[in-house]
Amino acid sequence: MNSYYSYHYIRRLSQRNISQEDVQCAILFGRSGYRKGAKYFFLGRKELNKNNINDEHLDGLTVIVGENGLIITAYKNKNAIKNLKR
């Protein structure tokens, strides 16, 4: 996936202590879906266990990617999948 990074995304990663590797892990192994013209990737406990990933700090990591491949933001919220499905 060719990705571009928004300024917002770069700032939020450092503020939220999320690494580029964490984001790539969410994109590769996370559950995905579409909402309001953007694609989201959610990495929850279910996906961590399924892929044998033992990093608890990744639980709840959500990455939002725009239609053009621009990564908009990343954040951690264990209930994000419920909010995104609404």
Protein backbone atom coordinates (compact mmCIF):
# COMPACT_ATOMS: atom_id res chain seq x y z
CA MET A 1 0.00 0.00 0.00
CA ASN A 2 1.49 3.33 -1.04
CA SER A 3 0.99 5.73 1.81
CA TYR A 4 1.43 9.42 2.33
CA TYR A 5 1.41 11.04 5.75
CA SER A 6 -0.55 14.08 6.82
CA TYR A 7 1.02 16.68 9.10
CA HIS A 8 -1.71 15.89 11.62
CA TYR A 9 -0.70 12.21 11.58
CA ILE A 10 3.00 12.97 12.16
CA ARG A 11 2.19 15.22 15.13
CA ARG A 12 -0.24 12.77 16.68
CA LEU A 13 2.19 9.84 16.51
CA SER A 14 4.70 11.65 18.68
CA GLN A 15 2.02 12.96 21.06
CA ARG A 16 0.46 9.52 21.49
CA ASN A 17 3.68 7.51 21.66
CA ILE A 18 2.83 5.43 18.59
CA SER A 19 5.62 4.28 16.27
CA GLN A 20 5.59 3.83 12.50
CA GLU A 21 6.07 0.09 13.12
CA ASP A 22 2.94 0.03 15.26
CA VAL A 23 0.97 1.67 12.44
CA GLN A 24 2.31 -0.81 9.87
CA CYS A 25 1.34 -3.67 12.18
CA ALA A 26 -2.22 -2.32 12.40
CA ILE A 27 -2.43 -1.97 8.61
CA LEU A 28 -1.09 -5.49 8.03
CA PHE A 29 -2.95 -7.41 10.73
CA GLY A 30 -5.84 -5.20 11.80
CA ARG A 31 -9.51 -5.52 11.00
CA SER A 32 -10.48 -3.07 8.26
CA GLY A 33 -13.62 -1.30 7.16
CA TYR A 34 -14.92 1.85 5.52
CA ARG A 35 -16.56 4.82 7.20
CA LYS A 36 -17.30 8.28 5.80
CA GLY A 37 -15.05 7.88 2.76
CA ALA A 38 -12.02 6.65 4.71
CA LYS A 39 -10.65 3.23 5.46
CA TYR A 40 -9.86 2.31 9.02
CA PHE A 41 -7.67 -0.42 10.45
CA PHE A 42 -8.34 -1.61 14.00
CA LEU A 43 -5.97 -3.81 15.96
CA GLY A 44 -7.74 -5.31 18.96
CA ARG A 45 -7.12 -8.18 21.33
CA LYS A 46 -8.78 -10.61 18.90
CA GLU A 47 -6.38 -9.68 16.07
CA LEU A 48 -3.37 -9.71 18.40
CA ASN A 49 -4.16 -13.24 19.60
CA LYS A 50 -4.97 -14.49 16.09
CA ASN A 51 -1.62 -13.27 14.72
CA ASN A 52 0.42 -14.27 17.80
CA ILE A 53 1.42 -10.68 18.59
CA ASN A 54 2.39 -10.25 22.24
CA ASP A 55 2.50 -6.43 22.40
CA GLU A 56 -0.28 -5.33 24.76
CA HIS A 57 0.37 -1.66 23.96
CA LEU A 58 -1.05 -2.28 20.46
CA ASP A 59 -4.48 -3.24 21.81
CA GLY A 60 -6.98 -0.69 20.48
CA LEU A 61 -4.69 0.90 17.89
CA THR A 62 -6.75 2.47 15.11
CA VAL A 63 -5.38 3.97 11.88
CA ILE A 64 -7.51 6.09 9.53
CA VAL A 65 -6.48 6.22 5.85
CA GLY A 66 -8.09 8.49 3.24
CA GLU A 67 -9.23 7.40 -0.22
CA ASN A 68 -5.99 8.54 -1.84
CA GLY A 69 -3.76 6.57 0.57
CA LEU A 70 -3.09 9.53 2.85
CA ILE A 71 -2.77 8.34 6.44
CA ILE A 72 -4.89 10.84 8.34
CA THR A 73 -4.43 9.84 11.96
CA ALA A 74 -3.69 7.06 14.43
CA TYR A 75 -4.93 6.66 17.98
CA LYS A 76 -5.58 4.07 20.67
CA ASN A 77 -9.11 3.32 21.81
CA LYS A 78 -10.19 -0.18 22.77
CA ASN A 79 -13.82 0.67 21.92
CA ALA A 80 -13.03 2.29 18.57
CA ILE A 81 -14.44 -0.58 16.52
CA LYS A 82 -17.87 -0.09 18.11
CA ASN A 83 -17.80 3.65 17.39
CA LEU A 84 -16.63 3.18 13.80
CA LYS A 85 -19.36 0.64 13.00
CA ARG A 86 -22.16 3.05 13.94
